[in-house]
């Protein structure tokens, strides 16, 4: 079985079956009479960091090596570095979710979809030749459609809200909108991964924003816990990815982060929270895809000619920002936007 797509199907099927078995049988709540409270959440966060740190450290030599990106700024500097660390920190997150987060069938389906997104990215990382836009796009679309359908199956809310206005959509229309937003989240996040420490740092701020939103809106603690667990895993990853990096997350990590952020936006019961919570990611990765789509549809090759995309490449090429400056400045922008979003929620209460 040498075909990467066939291996992906087999691994995905086995992984999903394992997730369902572990979810039902290996929760610590089924073994010990544990009280679920903030102390339990803190334990899960701490253990995630330790587990991820040592897992990455021991797995450095087992990951595929980056081939270097021909058209990226400083792309050749990445050549030879271990690529696909997203596989490691994502698996660590899934394990902690299964063991430490209260069991729900809805969550278990999300975990399986996160795993599928991770595996598709990882096998693309390992492949000598890219899977191509069409193949990856269709895989992402299927995963996003399944995630949106899962949300509708377990939640009654199917509306959008902005500035105090609420628009209730028919379920079929909400399904299409949610699928599109999730697809955007995956692909824009994937495009943002290109500077040491950038995606990991801004993703931590986005996840922290969602965690705060969940707590302010009175949602279950487990949703905030999942965000904090992912933050802990990314912090451990950043130990190795801070500029100059020793390791790269690859599509296995960026695609998992993208679908996770999209699902968290869904679980706030207002998809539009994705905009302020992940604005830097949406702008950095989104402008490039918008530019490409516009040129292909209109054949106007001069559209945004002076803007190099993704935006992190524009700042390095046009404004001579270093990788460290890009990471810090983009993070500061996201921190300000997230702060304004949280302040607005506090004023509404």
C-alpha atoms as a PDB file:
ATOM      1  CA  UNK A   1       0.000   0.000   0.000  1.00  0.00           C
ATOM      2  CA  UNK A   2       2.336   2.731  -1.308  1.00  0.00           C
ATOM      3  CA  UNK A   3      -0.326   5.202  -2.439  1.00  0.00           C
ATOM      4  CA  UNK A   4      -0.385   8.155   0.033  1.00  0.00           C
ATOM      5  CA  UNK A   5      -4.137   8.617  -0.439  1.00  0.00           C
ATOM      6  CA  UNK A   6      -4.783   4.957   0.336  1.00  0.00           C
ATOM      7  CA  UNK A   7      -2.570   5.132   3.422  1.00  0.00           C
ATOM      8  CA  UNK A   8      -4.456   8.234   4.530  1.00  0.00           C
ATOM      9  CA  UNK A   9      -7.810   6.432   4.242  1.00  0.00           C
ATOM     10  CA  UNK A  10      -6.575   3.446   6.225  1.00  0.00           C
ATOM     11  CA  UNK A  11      -4.944   5.555   8.938  1.00  0.00           C
ATOM     12  CA  UNK A  12      -7.992   7.816   9.144  1.00  0.00           C
ATOM     13  CA  UNK A  13     -10.395   4.877   9.528  1.00  0.00           C
ATOM     14  CA  UNK A  14      -8.253   3.239  12.198  1.00  0.00           C
ATOM     15  CA  UNK A  15      -7.780   6.559  13.953  1.00  0.00           C
ATOM     16  CA  UNK A  16     -11.494   7.338  14.025  1.00  0.00           C
ATOM     17  CA  UNK A  17     -12.320   3.885  15.391  1.00  0.00           C
ATOM     18  CA  UNK A  18      -9.632   4.330  18.052  1.00  0.00           C
ATOM     19  CA  UNK A  19     -11.004   7.749  18.977  1.00  0.00           C
ATOM     20  CA  UNK A  20     -14.489   6.353  19.521  1.00  0.00           C
ATOM     21  CA  UNK A  21     -13.170   3.429  21.600  1.00  0.00           C
ATOM     22  CA  UNK A  22     -10.906   5.617  23.734  1.00  0.00           C
ATOM     23  CA  UNK A  23     -13.596   8.243  24.153  1.00  0.00           C
ATOM     24  CA  UNK A  24     -16.025   5.736  25.630  1.00  0.00           C
ATOM     25  CA  UNK A  25     -13.618   3.613  27.649  1.00  0.00           C
ATOM     26  CA  UNK A  26     -10.569   5.628  28.680  1.00  0.00           C
ATOM     27  CA  UNK A  27     -11.913   8.821  30.231  1.00  0.00           C
ATOM     28  CA  UNK A  28     -10.465   9.195  33.694  1.00  0.00           C
ATOM     29  CA  UNK A  29     -13.982   9.903  34.943  1.00  0.00           C
ATOM     30  CA  UNK A  30     -14.870   6.292  34.221  1.00  0.00           C
ATOM     31  CA  UNK A  31     -11.960   5.050  36.371  1.00  0.00           C
ATOM     32  CA  UNK A  32     -11.673   7.536  39.253  1.00  0.00           C
ATOM     33  CA  UNK A  33     -14.329   9.671  41.008  1.00  0.00           C
ATOM     34  CA  UNK A  34     -12.727  12.968  39.901  1.00  0.00           C
ATOM     35  CA  UNK A  35     -14.338  16.368  40.458  1.00  0.00           C
ATOM     36  CA  UNK A  36     -14.260  18.467  37.299  1.00  0.00           C
ATOM     37  CA  UNK A  37     -13.260  21.999  38.264  1.00  0.00           C
ATOM     38  CA  UNK A  38     -10.620  24.637  37.567  1.00  0.00           C
ATOM     39  CA  UNK A  39      -7.932  22.567  39.297  1.00  0.00           C
ATOM     40  CA  UNK A  40      -8.537  19.704  36.891  1.00  0.00           C
ATOM     41  CA  UNK A  41      -8.288  22.127  33.964  1.00  0.00           C
ATOM     42  CA  UNK A  42      -4.960  23.482  35.236  1.00  0.00           C
ATOM     43  CA  UNK A  43      -3.588  19.941  35.584  1.00  0.00           C
ATOM     44  CA  UNK A  44      -4.545  19.157  31.983  1.00  0.00           C
ATOM     45  CA  UNK A  45      -2.859  22.345  30.733  1.00  0.00           C
ATOM     46  CA  UNK A  46       0.382  21.653  32.600  1.00  0.00           C
ATOM     47  CA  UNK A  47       0.520  18.027  31.478  1.00  0.00           C
ATOM     48  CA  UNK A  48      -0.125  19.064  27.860  1.00  0.00           C
ATOM     49  CA  UNK A  49       2.927  21.321  27.861  1.00  0.00           C
ATOM     50  CA  UNK A  50       5.167  18.649  29.399  1.00  0.00           C
ATOM     51  CA  UNK A  51       3.852  15.898  27.106  1.00  0.00           C
ATOM     52  CA  UNK A  52       4.182  18.014  23.955  1.00  0.00           C
ATOM     53  CA  UNK A  53       7.650  19.292  24.827  1.00  0.00           C
ATOM     54  CA  UNK A  54       9.137  15.827  25.317  1.00  0.00           C
ATOM     55  CA  UNK A  55       7.184  14.355  22.395  1.00  0.00           C
ATOM     56  CA  UNK A  56       8.614  16.970  20.011  1.00  0.00           C
ATOM     57  CA  UNK A  57      12.096  16.636  21.472  1.00  0.00           C
ATOM     58  CA  UNK A  58      12.089  12.862  20.972  1.00  0.00           C
ATOM     59  CA  UNK A  59      10.423  13.030  17.547  1.00  0.00           C
ATOM     60  CA  UNK A  60      12.695  15.573  15.857  1.00  0.00           C
ATOM     61  CA  UNK A  61      14.692  12.981  13.930  1.00  0.00           C
ATOM     62  CA  UNK A  62      11.625  11.016  12.803  1.00  0.00           C
ATOM     63  CA  UNK A  63       9.912  13.805  10.892  1.00  0.00           C
ATOM     64  CA  UNK A  64      10.311  14.469   7.146  1.00  0.00           C
ATOM     65  CA  UNK A  65      12.738  17.220   6.152  1.00  0.00           C
ATOM     66  CA  UNK A  66      11.634  20.484   4.587  1.00  0.00           C
ATOM     67  CA  UNK A  67      12.576  20.905   0.914  1.00  0.00           C
ATOM     68  CA  UNK A  68      12.711  24.684   1.037  1.00  0.00           C
ATOM     69  CA  UNK A  69      10.160  26.980  -0.578  1.00  0.00           C
ATOM     70  CA  UNK A  70      11.382  28.484  -3.820  1.00  0.00           C
ATOM     71  CA  UNK A  71       9.222  31.625  -3.852  1.00  0.00           C
ATOM     72  CA  UNK A  72       9.123  32.398  -0.128  1.00  0.00           C
ATOM     73  CA  UNK A  73      11.345  34.977   1.517  1.00  0.00           C
ATOM     74  CA  UNK A  74      14.230  33.120   3.222  1.00  0.00           C
ATOM     75  CA  UNK A  75      12.596  29.894   2.071  1.00  0.00           C
ATOM     76  CA  UNK A  76      15.950  28.198   1.573  1.00  0.00           C
ATOM     77  CA  UNK A  77      16.777  28.690   5.258  1.00  0.00           C
ATOM     78  CA  UNK A  78      14.080  26.132   6.106  1.00  0.00           C
ATOM     79  CA  UNK A  79      15.600  23.466   3.887  1.00  0.00           C
ATOM     80  CA  UNK A  80      16.573  20.380   5.851  1.00  0.00           C
ATOM     81  CA  UNK A  81      14.648  21.289   8.994  1.00  0.00           C
ATOM     82  CA  UNK A  82      12.236  18.684  10.438  1.00  0.00           C
ATOM     83  CA  UNK A  83       8.785  19.431   9.024  1.00  0.00           C
ATOM     84  CA  UNK A  84       5.415  18.225  10.275  1.00  0.00           C
ATOM     85  CA  UNK A  85       5.707  18.975  14.000  1.00  0.00           C
ATOM     86  CA  UNK A  86       1.990  19.724  13.838  1.00  0.00           C
ATOM     87  CA  UNK A  87       1.448  15.968  13.806  1.00  0.00           C
ATOM     88  CA  UNK A  88       3.105  15.722  17.229  1.00  0.00           C
ATOM     89  CA  UNK A  89       1.461  18.621  19.034  1.00  0.00           C
ATOM     90  CA  UNK A  90      -1.935  17.806  17.513  1.00  0.00           C
ATOM     91  CA  UNK A  91      -1.804  14.187  18.691  1.00  0.00           C
ATOM     92  CA  UNK A  92      -0.793  15.369  22.168  1.00  0.00           C
ATOM     93  CA  UNK A  93      -3.831  17.671  22.206  1.00  0.00           C
ATOM     94  CA  UNK A  94      -6.158  14.882  21.062  1.00  0.00           C
ATOM     95  CA  UNK A  95      -4.878  12.597  23.800  1.00  0.00           C
ATOM     96  CA  UNK A  96      -5.462  15.235  26.489  1.00  0.00           C
ATOM     97  CA  UNK A  97      -8.902  16.058  25.075  1.00  0.00           C
ATOM     98  CA  UNK A  98      -9.899  12.408  25.268  1.00  0.00           C
ATOM     99  CA  UNK A  99      -8.619  11.864  28.788  1.00  0.00           C
ATOM    100  CA  UNK A 100      -9.234  15.210  30.512  1.00  0.00           C
ATOM    101  CA  UNK A 101     -12.175  16.898  28.754  1.00  0.00           C
ATOM    102  CA  UNK A 102     -15.694  15.686  29.694  1.00  0.00           C
ATOM    103  CA  UNK A 103     -16.945  13.206  27.109  1.00  0.00           C
ATOM    104  CA  UNK A 104     -19.504  14.312  24.526  1.00  0.00           C
ATOM    105  CA  UNK A 105     -20.287  12.636  21.233  1.00  0.00           C
ATOM    106  CA  UNK A 106     -20.221  16.011  19.483  1.00  0.00           C
ATOM    107  CA  UNK A 107     -16.672  16.635  20.667  1.00  0.00           C
ATOM    108  CA  UNK A 108     -15.579  13.156  19.664  1.00  0.00           C
ATOM    109  CA  UNK A 109     -16.709  13.759  16.084  1.00  0.00           C
ATOM    110  CA  UNK A 110     -14.803  17.048  16.058  1.00  0.00           C
ATOM    111  CA  UNK A 111     -11.673  15.253  17.304  1.00  0.00           C
ATOM    112  CA  UNK A 112     -11.975  12.784  14.432  1.00  0.00           C
ATOM    113  CA  UNK A 113     -12.306  15.644  11.938  1.00  0.00           C
ATOM    114  CA  UNK A 114      -9.326  17.442  13.490  1.00  0.00           C
ATOM    115  CA  UNK A 115      -7.356  14.214  13.064  1.00  0.00           C
ATOM    116  CA  UNK A 116      -8.403  13.905   9.410  1.00  0.00           C
ATOM    117  CA  UNK A 117      -7.282  17.467   8.727  1.00  0.00           C
ATOM    118  CA  UNK A 118      -3.996  16.784  10.503  1.00  0.00           C
ATOM    119  CA  UNK A 119      -3.361  13.582   8.556  1.00  0.00           C
ATOM    120  CA  UNK A 120      -4.135  15.151   5.188  1.00  0.00           C
ATOM    121  CA  UNK A 121      -1.630  17.898   5.975  1.00  0.00           C
ATOM    122  CA  UNK A 122       0.984  15.462   7.249  1.00  0.00           C
ATOM    123  CA  UNK A 123       0.864  13.171   4.223  1.00  0.00           C
ATOM    124  CA  UNK A 124       1.106  16.230   1.999  1.00  0.00           C
ATOM    125  CA  UNK A 125       4.176  17.273   4.046  1.00  0.00           C
ATOM    126  CA  UNK A 126       5.736  13.853   3.477  1.00  0.00           C
ATOM    127  CA  UNK A 127       4.929  13.698  -0.217  1.00  0.00           C
ATOM    128  CA  UNK A 128       7.734  14.523  -2.666  1.00  0.00           C
ATOM    129  CA  UNK A 129       5.154  16.290  -4.831  1.00  0.00           C
ATOM    130  CA  UNK A 130       2.381  18.517  -3.498  1.00  0.00           C
ATOM    131  CA  UNK A 131      -1.078  17.000  -3.615  1.00  0.00           C
ATOM    132  CA  UNK A 132      -2.320  19.984  -5.596  1.00  0.00           C
ATOM    133  CA  UNK A 133      -4.927  22.648  -4.917  1.00  0.00           C
ATOM    134  CA  UNK A 134      -7.911  20.616  -6.132  1.00  0.00           C
ATOM    135  CA  UNK A 135      -7.207  17.521  -4.057  1.00  0.00           C
ATOM    136  CA  UNK A 136      -6.454  19.446  -0.865  1.00  0.00           C
ATOM    137  CA  UNK A 137      -9.389  21.785  -1.450  1.00  0.00           C
ATOM    138  CA  UNK A 138     -11.859  18.920  -1.812  1.00  0.00           C
ATOM    139  CA  UNK A 139     -10.528  17.191   1.303  1.00  0.00           C
ATOM    140  CA  UNK A 140     -10.857  20.425   3.264  1.00  0.00           C
ATOM    141  CA  UNK A 141     -14.373  20.941   1.901  1.00  0.00           C
ATOM    142  CA  UNK A 142     -15.489  17.459   2.995  1.00  0.00           C
ATOM    143  CA  UNK A 143     -14.049  17.959   6.492  1.00  0.00           C
ATOM    144  CA  UNK A 144     -15.650  21.398   6.837  1.00  0.00           C
ATOM    145  CA  UNK A 145     -19.030  20.156   5.639  1.00  0.00           C
ATOM    146  CA  UNK A 146     -18.923  17.313   8.170  1.00  0.00           C
ATOM    147  CA  UNK A 147     -17.971  19.726  10.975  1.00  0.00           C
ATOM    148  CA  UNK A 148     -20.778  22.148  10.103  1.00  0.00           C
ATOM    149  CA  UNK A 149     -23.301  19.299   9.886  1.00  0.00           C
ATOM    150  CA  UNK A 150     -22.119  17.980  13.259  1.00  0.00           C
ATOM    151  CA  UNK A 151     -22.649  21.388  14.831  1.00  0.00           C
ATOM    152  CA  UNK A 152     -26.196  21.622  13.469  1.00  0.00           C
ATOM    153  CA  UNK A 153     -26.978  18.097  14.683  1.00  0.00           C
ATOM    154  CA  UNK A 154     -26.047  18.939  18.300  1.00  0.00           C
ATOM    155  CA  UNK A 155     -26.882  22.661  18.580  1.00  0.00           C
ATOM    156  CA  UNK A 156     -30.075  24.655  18.110  1.00  0.00           C
ATOM    157  CA  UNK A 157     -28.402  27.962  17.244  1.00  0.00           C
ATOM    158  CA  UNK A 158     -28.042  28.724  13.539  1.00  0.00           C
ATOM    159  CA  UNK A 159     -27.849  32.508  13.439  1.00  0.00           C
ATOM    160  CA  UNK A 160     -25.344  35.310  12.872  1.00  0.00           C
ATOM    161  CA  UNK A 161     -25.075  38.368  15.128  1.00  0.00           C
ATOM    162  CA  UNK A 162     -23.374  41.728  14.622  1.00  0.00           C
ATOM    163  CA  UNK A 163     -23.661  45.036  16.514  1.00  0.00           C
ATOM    164  CA  UNK A 164     -26.730  43.870  18.374  1.00  0.00           C
ATOM    165  CA  UNK A 165     -28.497  42.572  15.258  1.00  0.00           C
ATOM    166  CA  UNK A 166     -29.266  38.870  14.926  1.00  0.00           C
ATOM    167  CA  UNK A 167     -29.987  37.127  11.641  1.00  0.00           C
ATOM    168  CA  UNK A 168     -31.523  33.662  11.931  1.00  0.00           C
ATOM    169  CA  UNK A 169     -30.679  31.590   8.860  1.00  0.00           C
ATOM    170  CA  UNK A 170     -32.454  28.499   7.544  1.00  0.00           C
ATOM    171  CA  UNK A 171     -30.479  25.424   8.512  1.00  0.00           C
ATOM    172  CA  UNK A 172     -29.526  24.590   4.938  1.00  0.00           C
ATOM    173  CA  UNK A 173     -28.188  28.113   4.384  1.00  0.00           C
ATOM    174  CA  UNK A 174     -26.342  28.117   7.705  1.00  0.00           C
ATOM    175  CA  UNK A 175     -24.766  24.788   6.708  1.00  0.00           C
ATOM    176  CA  UNK A 176     -23.383  26.365   3.526  1.00  0.00           C
ATOM    177  CA  UNK A 177     -22.183  29.510   5.314  1.00  0.00           C
ATOM    178  CA  UNK A 178     -20.541  27.546   8.142  1.00  0.00           C
ATOM    179  CA  UNK A 179     -18.835  25.192   5.696  1.00  0.00           C
ATOM    180  CA  UNK A 180     -17.448  28.137   3.749  1.00  0.00           C
ATOM    181  CA  UNK A 181     -16.210  29.906   6.914  1.00  0.00           C
ATOM    182  CA  UNK A 182     -14.508  26.725   8.150  1.00  0.00           C
ATOM    183  CA  UNK A 183     -12.887  26.241   4.738  1.00  0.00           C
ATOM    184  CA  UNK A 184     -11.637  29.828   4.882  1.00  0.00           C
ATOM    185  CA  UNK A 185     -10.279  29.253   8.376  1.00  0.00           C
ATOM    186  CA  UNK A 186      -8.260  26.201   7.304  1.00  0.00           C
ATOM    187  CA  UNK A 187      -6.798  27.722   4.154  1.00  0.00           C
ATOM    188  CA  UNK A 188      -6.111  31.220   5.491  1.00  0.00           C
ATOM    189  CA  UNK A 189      -4.362  29.696   8.508  1.00  0.00           C
ATOM    190  CA  UNK A 190      -2.303  27.470   6.227  1.00  0.00           C
ATOM    191  CA  UNK A 191      -1.141  30.518   4.230  1.00  0.00           C
ATOM    192  CA  UNK A 192      -0.098  32.351   7.414  1.00  0.00           C
ATOM    193  CA  UNK A 193       2.449  29.657   8.289  1.00  0.00           C
ATOM    194  CA  UNK A 194       5.689  30.934   6.794  1.00  0.00           C
ATOM    195  CA  UNK A 195       7.671  32.820   9.435  1.00  0.00           C
ATOM    196  CA  UNK A 196       9.363  31.294  12.473  1.00  0.00           C
ATOM    197  CA  UNK A 197       7.052  31.639  15.460  1.00  0.00           C
ATOM    198  CA  UNK A 198       4.378  33.663  13.640  1.00  0.00           C
ATOM    199  CA  UNK A 199       1.444  31.265  13.319  1.00  0.00           C
ATOM    200  CA  UNK A 200       2.077  29.672  16.702  1.00  0.00           C
ATOM    201  CA  UNK A 201       2.085  33.059  18.448  1.00  0.00           C
ATOM    202  CA  UNK A 202      -0.972  34.617  16.797  1.00  0.00           C
ATOM    203  CA  UNK A 203      -2.873  31.324  17.140  1.00  0.00           C
ATOM    204  CA  UNK A 204      -2.225  31.384  20.889  1.00  0.00           C
ATOM    205  CA  UNK A 205      -3.760  34.873  21.034  1.00  0.00           C
ATOM    206  CA  UNK A 206      -6.745  33.756  18.944  1.00  0.00           C
ATOM    207  CA  UNK A 207      -7.302  30.690  21.116  1.00  0.00           C
ATOM    208  CA  UNK A 208      -6.986  32.834  24.237  1.00  0.00           C
ATOM    209  CA  UNK A 209      -9.627  35.160  22.798  1.00  0.00           C
ATOM    210  CA  UNK A 210     -12.033  32.279  22.235  1.00  0.00           C
ATOM    211  CA  UNK A 211     -11.366  30.906  25.727  1.00  0.00           C
ATOM    212  CA  UNK A 212     -12.208  34.311  27.215  1.00  0.00           C
ATOM    213  CA  UNK A 213     -15.355  34.577  25.084  1.00  0.00           C
ATOM    214  CA  UNK A 214     -16.538  31.181  26.317  1.00  0.00           C
ATOM    215  CA  UNK A 215     -15.995  32.204  29.941  1.00  0.00           C
ATOM    216  CA  UNK A 216     -17.673  35.605  29.510  1.00  0.00           C
ATOM    217  CA  UNK A 217     -20.693  34.172  27.695  1.00  0.00           C
ATOM    218  CA  UNK A 218     -21.171  31.516  30.362  1.00  0.00           C
ATOM    219  CA  UNK A 219     -20.430  28.534  28.136  1.00  0.00           C
ATOM    220  CA  UNK A 220     -19.245  25.233  29.539  1.00  0.00           C
ATOM    221  CA  UNK A 221     -15.749  25.306  31.029  1.00  0.00           C
ATOM    222  CA  UNK A 222     -14.715  22.403  28.786  1.00  0.00           C
ATOM    223  CA  UNK A 223     -14.654  24.614  25.666  1.00  0.00           C
ATOM    224  CA  UNK A 224     -12.292  27.074  27.326  1.00  0.00           C
ATOM    225  CA  UNK A 225     -10.269  24.097  28.580  1.00  0.00           C
ATOM    226  CA  UNK A 226      -9.815  22.815  25.026  1.00  0.00           C
ATOM    227  CA  UNK A 227      -8.492  26.228  23.952  1.00  0.00           C
ATOM    228  CA  UNK A 228      -6.078  26.388  26.893  1.00  0.00           C
ATOM    229  CA  UNK A 229      -4.847  22.851  26.206  1.00  0.00           C
ATOM    230  CA  UNK A 230      -4.109  23.772  22.589  1.00  0.00           C
ATOM    231  CA  UNK A 231      -2.325  26.913  23.814  1.00  0.00           C
ATOM    232  CA  UNK A 232      -0.113  24.787  26.084  1.00  0.00           C
ATOM    233  CA  UNK A 233       0.787  22.510  23.154  1.00  0.00           C
ATOM    234  CA  UNK A 234       1.655  25.512  20.963  1.00  0.00           C
ATOM    235  CA  UNK A 235       3.794  27.015  23.718  1.00  0.00           C
ATOM    236  CA  UNK A 236       5.802  23.789  23.865  1.00  0.00           C
ATOM    237  CA  UNK A 237       6.109  23.878  20.074  1.00  0.00           C
ATOM    238  CA  UNK A 238       7.328  27.491  20.141  1.00  0.00           C
ATOM    239  CA  UNK A 239      10.249  26.439  22.324  1.00  0.00           C
ATOM    240  CA  UNK A 240      11.587  24.767  19.168  1.00  0.00           C
ATOM    241  CA  UNK A 241      10.072  27.117  16.573  1.00  0.00           C
ATOM    242  CA  UNK A 242      11.172  30.519  17.887  1.00  0.00           C
ATOM    243  CA  UNK A 243      13.390  32.311  15.365  1.00  0.00           C
ATOM    244  CA  UNK A 244      15.745  30.825  14.250  1.00  0.00           C
ATOM    245  CA  UNK A 245      13.613  27.691  14.317  1.00  0.00           C
ATOM    246  CA  UNK A 246      14.728  24.100  14.812  1.00  0.00           C
ATOM    247  CA  UNK A 247      11.449  22.629  13.547  1.00  0.00           C
ATOM    248  CA  UNK A 248       8.435  23.534  11.357  1.00  0.00           C
ATOM    249  CA  UNK A 249       4.787  22.663  11.998  1.00  0.00           C
ATOM    250  CA  UNK A 250       3.924  22.095   8.320  1.00  0.00           C
ATOM    251  CA  UNK A 251       0.422  21.595   6.946  1.00  0.00           C
ATOM    252  CA  UNK A 252      -0.243  18.993   9.639  1.00  0.00           C
ATOM    253  CA  UNK A 253      -0.224  21.775  12.206  1.00  0.00           C
ATOM    254  CA  UNK A 254      -1.598  24.747  10.270  1.00  0.00           C
ATOM    255  CA  UNK A 255      -4.614  22.831   8.972  1.00  0.00           C
ATOM    256  CA  UNK A 256      -5.411  21.463  12.423  1.00  0.00           C
ATOM    257  CA  UNK A 257      -5.195  24.957  13.911  1.00  0.00           C
ATOM    258  CA  UNK A 258      -7.436  26.284  11.136  1.00  0.00           C
ATOM    259  CA  UNK A 259     -10.245  23.771  11.598  1.00  0.00           C
ATOM    260  CA  UNK A 260      -9.965  24.062  15.387  1.00  0.00           C
ATOM    261  CA  UNK A 261     -10.361  27.863  15.279  1.00  0.00           C
ATOM    262  CA  UNK A 262     -13.339  27.488  12.949  1.00  0.00           C
ATOM    263  CA  UNK A 263     -15.081  24.993  15.226  1.00  0.00           C
ATOM    264  CA  UNK A 264     -14.439  27.202  18.261  1.00  0.00           C
ATOM    265  CA  UNK A 265     -16.090  30.079  16.376  1.00  0.00           C
ATOM    266  CA  UNK A 266     -19.065  27.808  15.712  1.00  0.00           C
ATOM    267  CA  UNK A 267     -19.301  26.866  19.379  1.00  0.00           C
ATOM    268  CA  UNK A 268     -19.592  30.522  20.440  1.00  0.00           C
ATOM    269  CA  UNK A 269     -22.922  30.314  18.544  1.00  0.00           C
ATOM    270  CA  UNK A 270     -21.828  33.263  16.448  1.00  0.00           C
ATOM    271  CA  UNK A 271     -19.472  32.494  13.558  1.00  0.00           C
ATOM    272  CA  UNK A 272     -18.617  36.160  13.165  1.00  0.00           C
ATOM    273  CA  UNK A 273     -16.484  36.004  16.314  1.00  0.00           C
ATOM    274  CA  UNK A 274     -13.864  34.412  14.061  1.00  0.00           C
ATOM    275  CA  UNK A 275     -13.186  37.835  12.512  1.00  0.00           C
ATOM    276  CA  UNK A 276     -11.884  39.694  15.585  1.00  0.00           C
ATOM    277  CA  UNK A 277     -10.501  36.568  17.266  1.00  0.00           C
ATOM    278  CA  UNK A 278      -8.326  35.623  14.261  1.00  0.00           C
ATOM    279  CA  UNK A 279      -8.128  38.872  12.293  1.00  0.00           C
ATOM    280  CA  UNK A 280      -4.363  38.748  11.709  1.00  0.00           C
ATOM    281  CA  UNK A 281      -4.617  35.208  10.315  1.00  0.00           C
ATOM    282  CA  UNK A 282      -7.577  36.140   8.106  1.00  0.00           C
ATOM    283  CA  UNK A 283      -5.800  39.192   6.671  1.00  0.00           C
ATOM    284  CA  UNK A 284      -2.341  37.660   6.334  1.00  0.00           C
ATOM    285  CA  UNK A 285      -3.487  34.490   4.600  1.00  0.00           C
ATOM    286  CA  UNK A 286      -6.716  35.770   3.097  1.00  0.00           C
ATOM    287  CA  UNK A 287      -5.508  38.674   0.982  1.00  0.00           C
ATOM    288  CA  UNK A 288      -3.228  36.370  -1.001  1.00  0.00           C
ATOM    289  CA  UNK A 289      -6.024  33.903  -1.773  1.00  0.00           C
ATOM    290  CA  UNK A 290      -8.410  36.742  -2.622  1.00  0.00           C
ATOM    291  CA  UNK A 291      -5.808  38.242  -4.977  1.00  0.00           C
ATOM    292  CA  UNK A 292      -5.244  34.890  -6.686  1.00  0.00           C
ATOM    293  CA  UNK A 293      -8.975  34.212  -7.060  1.00  0.00           C
ATOM    294  CA  UNK A 294      -9.657  37.705  -8.446  1.00  0.00           C
ATOM    295  CA  UNK A 295      -6.874  37.407 -11.034  1.00  0.00           C
ATOM    296  CA  UNK A 296      -8.061  33.970 -12.145  1.00  0.00           C
ATOM    297  CA  UNK A 297     -11.666  35.117 -12.522  1.00  0.00           C
ATOM    298  CA  UNK A 298     -11.024  38.498 -14.171  1.00  0.00           C
ATOM    299  CA  UNK A 299      -7.658  37.840 -15.889  1.00  0.00           C
ATOM    300  CA  UNK A 300      -6.485  41.228 -14.548  1.00  0.00           C
ATOM    301  CA  UNK A 301      -2.899  40.335 -13.714  1.00  0.00           C
ATOM    302  CA  UNK A 302      -2.050  43.769 -12.309  1.00  0.00           C
ATOM    303  CA  UNK A 303      -4.523  43.527  -9.416  1.00  0.00           C
ATOM    304  CA  UNK A 304      -2.738  44.397  -6.122  1.00  0.00           C
ATOM    305  CA  UNK A 305       0.524  44.168  -8.041  1.00  0.00           C
ATOM    306  CA  UNK A 306       2.397  46.201  -5.441  1.00  0.00           C
ATOM    307  CA  UNK A 307       1.247  43.936  -2.591  1.00  0.00           C
ATOM    308  CA  UNK A 308       3.287  40.794  -2.050  1.00  0.00           C
ATOM    309  CA  UNK A 309       1.335  37.986  -0.414  1.00  0.00           C
ATOM    310  CA  UNK A 310       1.046  36.571   2.160  1.00  0.00           C
ATOM    311  CA  UNK A 311       1.354  39.875   4.006  1.00  0.00           C
ATOM    312  CA  UNK A 312       4.180  38.555   6.178  1.00  0.00           C
ATOM    313  CA  UNK A 313       6.263  38.234   2.983  1.00  0.00           C
ATOM    314  CA  UNK A 314       5.290  41.794   2.002  1.00  0.00           C
ATOM    315  CA  UNK A 315       6.580  43.169   5.300  1.00  0.00           C
ATOM    316  CA  UNK A 316       9.866  41.275   4.962  1.00  0.00           C
ATOM    317  CA  UNK A 317      10.432  42.047   1.260  1.00  0.00           C
ATOM    318  CA  UNK A 318       9.063  45.614   1.031  1.00  0.00           C
ATOM    319  CA  UNK A 319       9.584  46.925   4.561  1.00  0.00           C
ATOM    320  CA  UNK A 320      12.670  44.872   5.511  1.00  0.00           C
ATOM    321  CA  UNK A 321      11.151  43.526   8.717  1.00  0.00           C
ATOM    322  CA  UNK A 322      13.059  40.664  10.298  1.00  0.00           C
ATOM    323  CA  UNK A 323      11.273  37.410  11.169  1.00  0.00           C
ATOM    324  CA  UNK A 324      11.287  38.451  14.821  1.00  0.00           C
ATOM    325  CA  UNK A 325       9.777  41.841  14.004  1.00  0.00           C
ATOM    326  CA  UNK A 326       7.045  40.220  11.923  1.00  0.00           C
ATOM    327  CA  UNK A 327       6.166  37.857  14.755  1.00  0.00           C
ATOM    328  CA  UNK A 328       6.070  40.529  17.459  1.00  0.00           C
ATOM    329  CA  UNK A 329       4.268  43.188  15.423  1.00  0.00           C
ATOM    330  CA  UNK A 330       1.619  40.862  14.034  1.00  0.00           C
ATOM    331  CA  UNK A 331       1.076  39.511  17.557  1.00  0.00           C
ATOM    332  CA  UNK A 332       0.688  43.049  18.940  1.00  0.00           C
ATOM    333  CA  UNK A 333      -1.951  43.838  16.313  1.00  0.00           C
ATOM    334  CA  UNK A 334      -3.891  40.680  17.182  1.00  0.00           C
ATOM    335  CA  UNK A 335      -3.552  41.412  20.906  1.00  0.00           C
ATOM    336  CA  UNK A 336      -5.072  44.881  20.432  1.00  0.00           C
ATOM    337  CA  UNK A 337      -7.963  43.548  18.306  1.00  0.00           C
ATOM    338  CA  UNK A 338      -8.644  40.732  20.771  1.00  0.00           C
ATOM    339  CA  UNK A 339      -8.551  43.202  23.655  1.00  0.00           C
ATOM    340  CA  UNK A 340     -11.109  45.425  21.935  1.00  0.00           C
ATOM    341  CA  UNK A 341     -13.347  42.428  21.259  1.00  0.00           C
ATOM    342  CA  UNK A 342     -13.238  41.301  24.891  1.00  0.00           C
ATOM    343  CA  UNK A 343     -13.775  44.885  26.116  1.00  0.00           C
ATOM    344  CA  UNK A 344     -16.871  45.164  23.926  1.00  0.00           C
ATOM    345  CA  UNK A 345     -18.248  41.950  25.429  1.00  0.00           C
ATOM    346  CA  UNK A 346     -17.594  43.237  28.944  1.00  0.00           C
ATOM    347  CA  UNK A 347     -19.420  46.498  28.173  1.00  0.00           C
ATOM    348  CA  UNK A 348     -22.451  44.504  26.981  1.00  0.00           C
ATOM    349  CA  UNK A 349     -22.707  42.576  30.253  1.00  0.00           C
END
